[in-house]
Amino acid sequence: IKHLENASEEEIAKLRSEISSLKSQLYQAKKDVRAIGKI
């Protein structure tokens, strides 16, 4: 966490967008799993 303090705004923005895209992938995967379970 300490090195995050030295990270530039750009790096932090990049991390944030990576995290949000990962979250949406997770959400999609959960939906897919539920759909497979119903088959």
PDB file of N, CA and C in Angstrom:
ATOM      1  N   ILE A   1       0.840  -1.205   0.000  1.00  0.00           N
ATOM      2  CA  ILE A   1       0.000   0.000   0.000  1.00  0.00           C
ATOM      3  C   ILE A   1       0.871   1.250   0.000  1.00  0.00           C
ATOM      4  N   LYS A   2       2.024   1.160   0.640  1.00  0.00           N
ATOM      5  CA  LYS A   2       2.893   2.333   0.737  1.00  0.00           C
ATOM      6  C   LYS A   2       3.290   2.860  -0.647  1.00  0.00           C
ATOM      7  N   HIS A   3       3.585   1.936  -1.583  1.00  0.00           N
ATOM      8  CA  HIS A   3       4.010   2.420  -2.903  1.00  0.00           C
ATOM      9  C   HIS A   3       2.871   3.086  -3.658  1.00  0.00           C
ATOM     10  N   LEU A   4       1.641   2.837  -3.257  1.00  0.00           N
ATOM     11  CA  LEU A   4       0.500   3.512  -3.890  1.00  0.00           C
ATOM     12  C   LEU A   4       0.530   5.011  -3.621  1.00  0.00           C
ATOM     13  N   GLU A   5       1.077   5.398  -2.479  1.00  0.00           N
ATOM     14  CA  GLU A   5       1.155   6.820  -2.142  1.00  0.00           C
ATOM     15  C   GLU A   5       2.016   7.562  -3.158  1.00  0.00           C
ATOM     16  N   ASN A   6       2.993   6.840  -3.722  1.00  0.00           N
ATOM     17  CA  ASN A   6       3.889   7.462  -4.689  1.00  0.00           C
ATOM     18  C   ASN A   6       3.373   7.321  -6.118  1.00  0.00           C
ATOM     19  N   ALA A   7       2.317   6.551  -6.291  1.00  0.00           N
ATOM     20  CA  ALA A   7       1.782   6.331  -7.630  1.00  0.00           C
ATOM     21  C   ALA A   7       1.190   7.626  -8.175  1.00  0.00           C
ATOM     22  N   SER A   8       1.349   7.799  -9.472  1.00  0.00           N
ATOM     23  CA  SER A   8       0.776   8.990 -10.100  1.00  0.00           C
ATOM     24  C   SER A   8      -0.730   8.837 -10.237  1.00  0.00           C
ATOM     25  N   GLU A   9      -1.397   9.964 -10.432  1.00  0.00           N
ATOM     26  CA  GLU A   9      -2.849   9.935 -10.639  1.00  0.00           C
ATOM     27  C   GLU A   9      -3.190   9.012 -11.808  1.00  0.00           C
ATOM     28  N   GLU A  10      -2.339   9.045 -12.827  1.00  0.00           N
ATOM     29  CA  GLU A  10      -2.580   8.232 -14.022  1.00  0.00           C
ATOM     30  C   GLU A  10      -2.578   6.747 -13.679  1.00  0.00           C
ATOM     31  N   GLU A  11      -1.581   6.326 -12.876  1.00  0.00           N
ATOM     32  CA  GLU A  11      -1.489   4.922 -12.482  1.00  0.00           C
ATOM     33  C   GLU A  11      -2.702   4.510 -11.660  1.00  0.00           C
ATOM     34  N   ILE A  12      -3.116   5.381 -10.753  1.00  0.00           N
ATOM     35  CA  ILE A  12      -4.274   5.100  -9.912  1.00  0.00           C
ATOM     36  C   ILE A  12      -5.528   4.978 -10.774  1.00  0.00           C
ATOM     37  N   ALA A  13      -5.684   5.863 -11.739  1.00  0.00           N
ATOM     38  CA  ALA A  13      -6.837   5.802 -12.638  1.00  0.00           C
ATOM     39  C   ALA A  13      -6.828   4.492 -13.425  1.00  0.00           C
ATOM     40  N   LYS A  14      -5.635   4.069 -13.852  1.00  0.00           N
ATOM     41  CA  LYS A  14      -5.511   2.814 -14.594  1.00  0.00           C
ATOM     42  C   LYS A  14      -5.927   1.636 -13.720  1.00  0.00           C
ATOM     43  N   LEU A  15      -5.439   1.639 -12.483  1.00  0.00           N
ATOM     44  CA  LEU A  15      -5.807   0.580 -11.539  1.00  0.00           C
ATOM     45  C   LEU A  15      -7.309   0.550 -11.323  1.00  0.00           C
ATOM     46  N   ARG A  16      -7.896   1.714 -11.134  1.00  0.00           N
ATOM     47  CA  ARG A  16      -9.343   1.782 -10.895  1.00  0.00           C
ATOM     48  C   ARG A  16     -10.125   1.193 -12.055  1.00  0.00           C
ATOM     49  N   SER A  17      -9.717   1.518 -13.285  1.00  0.00           N
ATOM     50  CA  SER A  17     -10.469   1.007 -14.432  1.00  0.00           C
ATOM     51  C   SER A  17     -10.258  -0.500 -14.584  1.00  0.00           C
ATOM     52  N   GLU A  18      -9.034  -0.992 -14.258  1.00  0.00           N
ATOM     53  CA  GLU A  18      -8.794  -2.435 -14.291  1.00  0.00           C
ATOM     54  C   GLU A  18      -9.691  -3.136 -13.283  1.00  0.00           C
ATOM     55  N   ILE A  19      -9.772  -2.574 -12.085  1.00  0.00           N
ATOM     56  CA  ILE A  19     -10.592  -3.167 -11.031  1.00  0.00           C
ATOM     57  C   ILE A  19     -12.058  -3.192 -11.443  1.00  0.00           C
ATOM     58  N   SER A  20     -12.555  -2.096 -12.007  1.00  0.00           N
ATOM     59  CA  SER A  20     -13.968  -2.077 -12.372  1.00  0.00           C
ATOM     60  C   SER A  20     -14.252  -3.044 -13.519  1.00  0.00           C
ATOM     61  N   SER A  21     -13.300  -3.232 -14.427  1.00  0.00           N
ATOM     62  CA  SER A  21     -13.540  -4.199 -15.500  1.00  0.00           C
ATOM     63  C   SER A  21     -13.498  -5.624 -14.953  1.00  0.00           C
ATOM     64  N   LEU A  22     -12.613  -5.869 -13.975  1.00  0.00           N
ATOM     65  CA  LEU A  22     -12.593  -7.180 -13.316  1.00  0.00           C
ATOM     66  C   LEU A  22     -13.912  -7.447 -12.610  1.00  0.00           C
ATOM     67  N   LYS A  23     -14.432  -6.427 -11.930  1.00  0.00           N
ATOM     68  CA  LYS A  23     -15.706  -6.576 -11.221  1.00  0.00           C
ATOM     69  C   LYS A  23     -16.823  -6.939 -12.186  1.00  0.00           C
ATOM     70  N   SER A  24     -16.861  -6.290 -13.349  1.00  0.00           N
ATOM     71  CA  SER A  24     -17.937  -6.597 -14.291  1.00  0.00           C
ATOM     72  C   SER A  24     -17.757  -7.999 -14.882  1.00  0.00           C
ATOM     73  N   GLN A  25     -16.492  -8.437 -15.051  1.00  0.00           N
ATOM     74  CA  GLN A  25     -16.255  -9.807 -15.512  1.00  0.00           C
ATOM     75  C   GLN A  25     -16.741 -10.815 -14.479  1.00  0.00           C
ATOM     76  N   LEU A  26     -16.467 -10.532 -13.208  1.00  0.00           N
ATOM     77  CA  LEU A  26     -16.933 -11.398 -12.126  1.00  0.00           C
ATOM     78  C   LEU A  26     -18.449 -11.479 -12.122  1.00  0.00           C
ATOM     79  N   TYR A  27     -19.086 -10.337 -12.243  1.00  0.00           N
ATOM     80  CA  TYR A  27     -20.545 -10.268 -12.247  1.00  0.00           C
ATOM     81  C   TYR A  27     -21.108 -11.109 -13.393  1.00  0.00           C
ATOM     82  N   GLN A  28     -20.498 -10.966 -14.570  1.00  0.00           N
ATOM     83  CA  GLN A  28     -20.939 -11.725 -15.738  1.00  0.00           C
ATOM     84  C   GLN A  28     -20.740 -13.221 -15.507  1.00  0.00           C
ATOM     85  N   ALA A  29     -19.610 -13.596 -14.925  1.00  0.00           N
ATOM     86  CA  ALA A  29     -19.326 -15.005 -14.662  1.00  0.00           C
ATOM     87  C   ALA A  29     -20.353 -15.599 -13.705  1.00  0.00           C
ATOM     88  N   LYS A  30     -20.718 -14.844 -12.682  1.00  0.00           N
ATOM     89  CA  LYS A  30     -21.728 -15.317 -11.733  1.00  0.00           C
ATOM     90  C   LYS A  30     -23.054 -15.551 -12.441  1.00  0.00           C
ATOM     91  N   LYS A  31     -23.425 -14.617 -13.344  1.00  0.00           N
ATOM     92  CA  LYS A  31     -24.670 -14.774 -14.097  1.00  0.00           C
ATOM     93  C   LYS A  31     -24.597 -16.022 -14.973  1.00  0.00           C
ATOM     94  N   ASP A  32     -23.445 -16.245 -15.608  1.00  0.00           N
ATOM     95  CA  ASP A  32     -23.275 -17.421 -16.465  1.00  0.00           C
ATOM     96  C   ASP A  32     -23.409 -18.703 -15.655  1.00  0.00           C
ATOM     97  N   VAL A  33     -22.803 -18.728 -14.480  1.00  0.00           N
ATOM     98  CA  VAL A  33     -22.868 -19.909 -13.618  1.00  0.00           C
ATOM     99  C   VAL A  33     -24.313 -20.203 -13.242  1.00  0.00           C
ATOM    100  N   ARG A  34     -25.059 -19.156 -12.911  1.00  0.00           N
ATOM    101  CA  ARG A  34     -26.474 -19.344 -12.567  1.00  0.00           C
ATOM    102  C   ARG A  34     -27.252 -19.891 -13.754  1.00  0.00           C
ATOM    103  N   ALA A  35     -26.956 -19.380 -14.937  1.00  0.00           N
ATOM    104  CA  ALA A  35     -27.653 -19.838 -16.138  1.00  0.00           C
ATOM    105  C   ALA A  35     -27.345 -21.314 -16.398  1.00  0.00           C
ATOM    106  N   ILE A  36     -26.081 -21.701 -16.227  1.00  0.00           N
ATOM    107  CA  ILE A  36     -25.683 -23.094 -16.428  1.00  0.00           C
ATOM    108  C   ILE A  36     -26.374 -23.990 -15.399  1.00  0.00           C
ATOM    109  N   GLY A  37     -26.484 -23.494 -14.180  1.00  0.00           N
ATOM    110  CA  GLY A  37     -27.134 -24.260 -13.122  1.00  0.00           C
ATOM    111  C   GLY A  37     -28.596 -24.546 -13.409  1.00  0.00           C
ATOM    112  N   LYS A  38     -29.236 -23.659 -14.175  1.00  0.00           N
ATOM    113  CA  LYS A  38     -30.666 -23.828 -14.464  1.00  0.00           C
ATOM    114  C   LYS A  38     -30.915 -24.835 -15.577  1.00  0.00           C
ATOM    115  N   ILE A  39     -29.883 -25.098 -16.372  1.00  0.00           N
ATOM    116  CA  ILE A  39     -30.050 -26.006 -17.514  1.00  0.00           C
ATOM    117  C   ILE A  39     -30.289 -27.435 -17.033  1.00  0.00           C
TER     118      ILE A  39
END
